[in-house]
């Protein structure tokens, strides 16, 4: 999966990440934009699978809880909840043996390879690593929220570094596996 395709797949979450901080108004705008992007991308088939459904559920419930109930606990914990939702959806897709990266990998892979053990193993690994990154980001969001040991900027940098690093790994690793598979065996 190319970096641009990966960014597109996570566009609702990235929009939410960049918009929804600093004030209640920005959180509300972030939820509306992220839900609208999720719906449009789902309808146009630009986005699909587990991450789409996690986003639709999360942003819908987020809007309900923030707009209707004005629950300040949810507002305060939104970063933890967002990363936690992504982690839960990712881990669930691993447990169900339907790694979320499959939906995107199949777009660039010959259908004859879709059941290949190497293809499946690659997607299980990538999805597991994404799930670990989302889990770590939930912990980092909790640390930032509770002001545990480090400054806010340090938590932000660590979180972004994990996401960017995983995006580059996701782009690099499948090509690496193909190169290794293409090498002649001694």
C-alpha atoms as a PDB file:
ATOM      1  CA  UNK A   1       0.000   0.000   0.000  1.00  0.00           C
ATOM      2  CA  UNK A   2       1.480   3.343  -1.030  1.00  0.00           C
ATOM      3  CA  UNK A   3       1.827   6.205   1.426  1.00  0.00           C
ATOM      4  CA  UNK A   4      -0.822   8.288  -0.378  1.00  0.00           C
ATOM      5  CA  UNK A   5      -3.297   5.384  -0.381  1.00  0.00           C
ATOM      6  CA  UNK A   6      -2.574   4.840   3.308  1.00  0.00           C
ATOM      7  CA  UNK A   7      -3.167   8.522   4.064  1.00  0.00           C
ATOM      8  CA  UNK A   8      -6.419   8.369   2.111  1.00  0.00           C
ATOM      9  CA  UNK A   9      -7.538   5.277   4.049  1.00  0.00           C
ATOM     10  CA  UNK A  10      -6.982   7.102   7.335  1.00  0.00           C
ATOM     11  CA  UNK A  11      -8.173  10.533   6.109  1.00  0.00           C
ATOM     12  CA  UNK A  12     -11.140  10.735   8.532  1.00  0.00           C
ATOM     13  CA  UNK A  13      -8.894   9.834  11.466  1.00  0.00           C
ATOM     14  CA  UNK A  14      -6.161  12.235  10.355  1.00  0.00           C
ATOM     15  CA  UNK A  15      -8.697  15.040   9.939  1.00  0.00           C
ATOM     16  CA  UNK A  16      -9.978  14.298  13.434  1.00  0.00           C
ATOM     17  CA  UNK A  17      -6.413  14.223  14.803  1.00  0.00           C
ATOM     18  CA  UNK A  18      -5.532  17.622  13.342  1.00  0.00           C
ATOM     19  CA  UNK A  19      -8.827  19.421  13.973  1.00  0.00           C
ATOM     20  CA  UNK A  20     -10.210  18.070  17.261  1.00  0.00           C
ATOM     21  CA  UNK A  21      -7.959  19.509  19.930  1.00  0.00           C
ATOM     22  CA  UNK A  22      -7.708  22.683  21.946  1.00  0.00           C
ATOM     23  CA  UNK A  23     -11.388  23.472  22.431  1.00  0.00           C
ATOM     24  CA  UNK A  24     -14.833  21.924  22.569  1.00  0.00           C
ATOM     25  CA  UNK A  25     -15.764  23.704  19.333  1.00  0.00           C
ATOM     26  CA  UNK A  26     -12.776  22.165  17.531  1.00  0.00           C
ATOM     27  CA  UNK A  27     -13.696  18.733  18.911  1.00  0.00           C
ATOM     28  CA  UNK A  28     -17.238  19.125  17.559  1.00  0.00           C
ATOM     29  CA  UNK A  29     -15.967  20.306  14.169  1.00  0.00           C
ATOM     30  CA  UNK A  30     -13.476  17.418  14.103  1.00  0.00           C
ATOM     31  CA  UNK A  31     -16.216  14.872  14.789  1.00  0.00           C
ATOM     32  CA  UNK A  32     -18.481  16.307  12.073  1.00  0.00           C
ATOM     33  CA  UNK A  33     -15.677  16.454   9.483  1.00  0.00           C
ATOM     34  CA  UNK A  34     -14.434  12.943  10.321  1.00  0.00           C
ATOM     35  CA  UNK A  35     -17.920  11.423  10.164  1.00  0.00           C
ATOM     36  CA  UNK A  36     -18.699  13.231   6.902  1.00  0.00           C
ATOM     37  CA  UNK A  37     -15.419  12.021   5.373  1.00  0.00           C
ATOM     38  CA  UNK A  38     -16.116   8.471   6.558  1.00  0.00           C
ATOM     39  CA  UNK A  39     -19.588   8.470   5.010  1.00  0.00           C
ATOM     40  CA  UNK A  40     -18.457   9.995   1.701  1.00  0.00           C
ATOM     41  CA  UNK A  41     -15.466   7.669   1.451  1.00  0.00           C
ATOM     42  CA  UNK A  42     -17.615   4.650   2.299  1.00  0.00           C
ATOM     43  CA  UNK A  43     -20.289   5.526  -0.261  1.00  0.00           C
ATOM     44  CA  UNK A  44     -17.688   6.172  -2.979  1.00  0.00           C
ATOM     45  CA  UNK A  45     -15.758   3.005  -1.997  1.00  0.00           C
ATOM     46  CA  UNK A  46     -12.571   4.983  -1.355  1.00  0.00           C
ATOM     47  CA  UNK A  47     -12.586   3.504   2.124  1.00  0.00           C
ATOM     48  CA  UNK A  48     -13.789   0.090   3.277  1.00  0.00           C
ATOM     49  CA  UNK A  49     -13.465  -2.663   5.824  1.00  0.00           C
ATOM     50  CA  UNK A  50     -12.836  -2.612   9.540  1.00  0.00           C
ATOM     51  CA  UNK A  51     -11.276   0.843   9.736  1.00  0.00           C
ATOM     52  CA  UNK A  52     -14.280   2.349   7.915  1.00  0.00           C
ATOM     53  CA  UNK A  53     -16.737   0.693  10.311  1.00  0.00           C
ATOM     54  CA  UNK A  54     -14.710   1.596  13.396  1.00  0.00           C
ATOM     55  CA  UNK A  55     -14.687   5.204  12.187  1.00  0.00           C
ATOM     56  CA  UNK A  56     -18.403   5.304  11.443  1.00  0.00           C
ATOM     57  CA  UNK A  57     -19.269   3.871  14.861  1.00  0.00           C
ATOM     58  CA  UNK A  58     -16.714   5.956  16.782  1.00  0.00           C
ATOM     59  CA  UNK A  59     -17.522   9.295  15.141  1.00  0.00           C
ATOM     60  CA  UNK A  60     -21.297   8.666  15.322  1.00  0.00           C
ATOM     61  CA  UNK A  61     -21.195   7.812  19.020  1.00  0.00           C
ATOM     62  CA  UNK A  62     -18.707  10.617  19.611  1.00  0.00           C
ATOM     63  CA  UNK A  63     -21.114  13.113  18.069  1.00  0.00           C
ATOM     64  CA  UNK A  64     -24.028  11.744  20.086  1.00  0.00           C
ATOM     65  CA  UNK A  65     -22.119  11.842  23.367  1.00  0.00           C
ATOM     66  CA  UNK A  66     -20.483  15.241  22.798  1.00  0.00           C
ATOM     67  CA  UNK A  67     -23.322  17.102  21.035  1.00  0.00           C
ATOM     68  CA  UNK A  68     -26.373  15.646  22.784  1.00  0.00           C
ATOM     69  CA  UNK A  69     -25.155  14.578  26.216  1.00  0.00           C
ATOM     70  CA  UNK A  70     -22.206  16.999  26.458  1.00  0.00           C
ATOM     71  CA  UNK A  71     -20.348  14.400  28.482  1.00  0.00           C
ATOM     72  CA  UNK A  72     -17.113  16.033  29.664  1.00  0.00           C
ATOM     73  CA  UNK A  73     -15.512  12.717  30.670  1.00  0.00           C
ATOM     74  CA  UNK A  74     -15.710  11.625  27.035  1.00  0.00           C
ATOM     75  CA  UNK A  75     -14.375  14.995  25.877  1.00  0.00           C
ATOM     76  CA  UNK A  76     -11.422  14.707  28.270  1.00  0.00           C
ATOM     77  CA  UNK A  77     -10.650  11.114  27.224  1.00  0.00           C
ATOM     78  CA  UNK A  78     -11.288  11.520  23.471  1.00  0.00           C
ATOM     79  CA  UNK A  79      -7.650  10.884  22.497  1.00  0.00           C
ATOM     80  CA  UNK A  80      -7.512   7.671  24.500  1.00  0.00           C
ATOM     81  CA  UNK A  81     -10.896   6.573  23.153  1.00  0.00           C
ATOM     82  CA  UNK A  82      -9.975   7.293  19.509  1.00  0.00           C
ATOM     83  CA  UNK A  83      -6.706   5.352  19.627  1.00  0.00           C
ATOM     84  CA  UNK A  84      -8.380   2.662  21.709  1.00  0.00           C
ATOM     85  CA  UNK A  85     -11.158   2.255  19.129  1.00  0.00           C
ATOM     86  CA  UNK A  86      -8.600   1.846  16.341  1.00  0.00           C
ATOM     87  CA  UNK A  87      -6.619  -0.617  18.461  1.00  0.00           C
ATOM     88  CA  UNK A  88      -9.720  -2.642  19.331  1.00  0.00           C
ATOM     89  CA  UNK A  89     -10.878  -2.791  15.708  1.00  0.00           C
ATOM     90  CA  UNK A  90      -7.402  -3.793  14.539  1.00  0.00           C
ATOM     91  CA  UNK A  91      -6.906  -6.479  17.197  1.00  0.00           C
ATOM     92  CA  UNK A  92     -10.397  -7.819  16.498  1.00  0.00           C
ATOM     93  CA  UNK A  93      -9.574  -8.133  12.796  1.00  0.00           C
ATOM     94  CA  UNK A  94      -6.437 -10.109  13.738  1.00  0.00           C
ATOM     95  CA  UNK A  95      -8.334 -12.424  16.094  1.00  0.00           C
ATOM     96  CA  UNK A  96     -10.977 -13.037  13.414  1.00  0.00           C
ATOM     97  CA  UNK A  97      -8.188 -13.781  10.893  1.00  0.00           C
ATOM     98  CA  UNK A  98      -9.399 -10.921   8.654  1.00  0.00           C
ATOM     99  CA  UNK A  99      -6.600  -8.368   9.072  1.00  0.00           C
ATOM    100  CA  UNK A 100      -7.800  -4.917   8.058  1.00  0.00           C
ATOM    101  CA  UNK A 101      -4.835  -4.424   5.715  1.00  0.00           C
ATOM    102  CA  UNK A 102      -6.245  -7.173   3.445  1.00  0.00           C
ATOM    103  CA  UNK A 103      -8.895  -4.814   2.077  1.00  0.00           C
ATOM    104  CA  UNK A 104      -6.194  -2.450   0.843  1.00  0.00           C
ATOM    105  CA  UNK A 105      -3.575  -5.041  -0.134  1.00  0.00           C
ATOM    106  CA  UNK A 106      -6.001  -6.851  -2.432  1.00  0.00           C
ATOM    107  CA  UNK A 107      -6.268  -3.709  -4.562  1.00  0.00           C
ATOM    108  CA  UNK A 108      -2.605  -4.127  -5.588  1.00  0.00           C
ATOM    109  CA  UNK A 109      -2.278  -7.901  -5.595  1.00  0.00           C
ATOM    110  CA  UNK A 110      -3.127 -10.506  -8.210  1.00  0.00           C
ATOM    111  CA  UNK A 111      -6.283 -12.347  -7.036  1.00  0.00           C
ATOM    112  CA  UNK A 112      -4.475 -15.676  -7.490  1.00  0.00           C
ATOM    113  CA  UNK A 113      -2.256 -14.704  -4.515  1.00  0.00           C
ATOM    114  CA  UNK A 114      -5.025 -13.668  -2.119  1.00  0.00           C
ATOM    115  CA  UNK A 115      -5.005 -17.043  -0.338  1.00  0.00           C
ATOM    116  CA  UNK A 116      -1.229 -17.444  -0.476  1.00  0.00           C
ATOM    117  CA  UNK A 117       0.184 -18.061   3.037  1.00  0.00           C
ATOM    118  CA  UNK A 118       2.893 -15.402   2.540  1.00  0.00           C
ATOM    119  CA  UNK A 119       0.292 -12.802   1.523  1.00  0.00           C
ATOM    120  CA  UNK A 120      -1.866 -13.659   4.541  1.00  0.00           C
ATOM    121  CA  UNK A 121       1.125 -13.724   6.909  1.00  0.00           C
ATOM    122  CA  UNK A 122       2.291 -10.331   5.630  1.00  0.00           C
ATOM    123  CA  UNK A 123      -1.142  -8.819   6.276  1.00  0.00           C
ATOM    124  CA  UNK A 124      -1.432 -10.433   9.707  1.00  0.00           C
ATOM    125  CA  UNK A 125       1.958  -8.971  10.636  1.00  0.00           C
ATOM    126  CA  UNK A 126       1.141  -5.495   9.320  1.00  0.00           C
ATOM    127  CA  UNK A 127      -2.266  -5.410  11.012  1.00  0.00           C
ATOM    128  CA  UNK A 128      -0.777  -6.685  14.287  1.00  0.00           C
ATOM    129  CA  UNK A 129       1.863  -3.966  14.164  1.00  0.00           C
ATOM    130  CA  UNK A 130      -0.783  -1.317  13.432  1.00  0.00           C
ATOM    131  CA  UNK A 131      -2.818  -2.649  16.364  1.00  0.00           C
ATOM    132  CA  UNK A 132       0.266  -2.378  18.589  1.00  0.00           C
ATOM    133  CA  UNK A 133       0.893   1.201  17.403  1.00  0.00           C
ATOM    134  CA  UNK A 134      -2.733   2.163  18.077  1.00  0.00           C
ATOM    135  CA  UNK A 135      -2.495   0.523  21.518  1.00  0.00           C
ATOM    136  CA  UNK A 136       0.702   2.422  22.306  1.00  0.00           C
ATOM    137  CA  UNK A 137      -0.921   5.631  21.088  1.00  0.00           C
ATOM    138  CA  UNK A 138      -3.834   5.028  23.469  1.00  0.00           C
ATOM    139  CA  UNK A 139      -1.296   4.755  26.304  1.00  0.00           C
ATOM    140  CA  UNK A 140       0.494   7.882  25.092  1.00  0.00           C
ATOM    141  CA  UNK A 141      -2.833   9.751  24.932  1.00  0.00           C
ATOM    142  CA  UNK A 142      -3.552   8.665  28.495  1.00  0.00           C
ATOM    143  CA  UNK A 143      -0.094   9.836  29.584  1.00  0.00           C
ATOM    144  CA  UNK A 144      -0.615  13.183  27.876  1.00  0.00           C
ATOM    145  CA  UNK A 145      -4.092  13.603  29.364  1.00  0.00           C
ATOM    146  CA  UNK A 146      -2.971  12.712  32.880  1.00  0.00           C
ATOM    147  CA  UNK A 147       0.283  14.696  32.548  1.00  0.00           C
ATOM    148  CA  UNK A 148       2.253  11.611  33.527  1.00  0.00           C
ATOM    149  CA  UNK A 149       6.013  12.351  33.646  1.00  0.00           C
ATOM    150  CA  UNK A 150       6.464  13.930  30.189  1.00  0.00           C
ATOM    151  CA  UNK A 151       5.307  17.146  28.590  1.00  0.00           C
ATOM    152  CA  UNK A 152       2.444  17.238  26.084  1.00  0.00           C
ATOM    153  CA  UNK A 153       4.784  17.890  23.157  1.00  0.00           C
ATOM    154  CA  UNK A 154       6.827  14.781  23.964  1.00  0.00           C
ATOM    155  CA  UNK A 155       3.698  12.624  23.897  1.00  0.00           C
ATOM    156  CA  UNK A 156       2.613  14.219  20.606  1.00  0.00           C
ATOM    157  CA  UNK A 157       6.018  13.649  18.984  1.00  0.00           C
ATOM    158  CA  UNK A 158       6.130  10.031  20.156  1.00  0.00           C
ATOM    159  CA  UNK A 159       2.606   9.390  18.868  1.00  0.00           C
ATOM    160  CA  UNK A 160       3.271  10.961  15.464  1.00  0.00           C
ATOM    161  CA  UNK A 161       6.619   9.169  15.174  1.00  0.00           C
ATOM    162  CA  UNK A 162       4.919   5.807  15.740  1.00  0.00           C
ATOM    163  CA  UNK A 163       2.262   6.540  13.115  1.00  0.00           C
ATOM    164  CA  UNK A 164       4.708   7.868  10.512  1.00  0.00           C
ATOM    165  CA  UNK A 165       7.153   5.026  11.157  1.00  0.00           C
ATOM    166  CA  UNK A 166       4.404   2.443  10.773  1.00  0.00           C
ATOM    167  CA  UNK A 167       3.160   4.106   7.579  1.00  0.00           C
ATOM    168  CA  UNK A 168       6.625   3.859   6.042  1.00  0.00           C
ATOM    169  CA  UNK A 169       7.032   0.269   7.250  1.00  0.00           C
ATOM    170  CA  UNK A 170       3.642  -0.616   5.730  1.00  0.00           C
ATOM    171  CA  UNK A 171       4.831   0.793   2.428  1.00  0.00           C
ATOM    172  CA  UNK A 172       8.257  -0.903   2.574  1.00  0.00           C
ATOM    173  CA  UNK A 173       7.550  -4.359   4.002  1.00  0.00           C
ATOM    174  CA  UNK A 174       5.343  -5.933   1.276  1.00  0.00           C
ATOM    175  CA  UNK A 175       7.882  -4.919  -1.398  1.00  0.00           C
ATOM    176  CA  UNK A 176      10.636  -6.418   0.756  1.00  0.00           C
ATOM    177  CA  UNK A 177       8.710  -9.696   1.059  1.00  0.00           C
ATOM    178  CA  UNK A 178       8.219  -9.800  -2.723  1.00  0.00           C
ATOM    179  CA  UNK A 179      11.963  -9.209  -3.289  1.00  0.00           C
ATOM    180  CA  UNK A 180      12.869 -12.007  -0.879  1.00  0.00           C
ATOM    181  CA  UNK A 181      10.356 -14.355  -2.535  1.00  0.00           C
ATOM    182  CA  UNK A 182      11.749 -13.527  -5.993  1.00  0.00           C
ATOM    183  CA  UNK A 183      15.337 -14.431  -5.071  1.00  0.00           C
ATOM    184  CA  UNK A 184      16.563 -17.722  -6.476  1.00  0.00           C
ATOM    185  CA  UNK A 185      16.838 -20.429  -3.840  1.00  0.00           C
ATOM    186  CA  UNK A 186      20.257 -22.128  -3.485  1.00  0.00           C
END
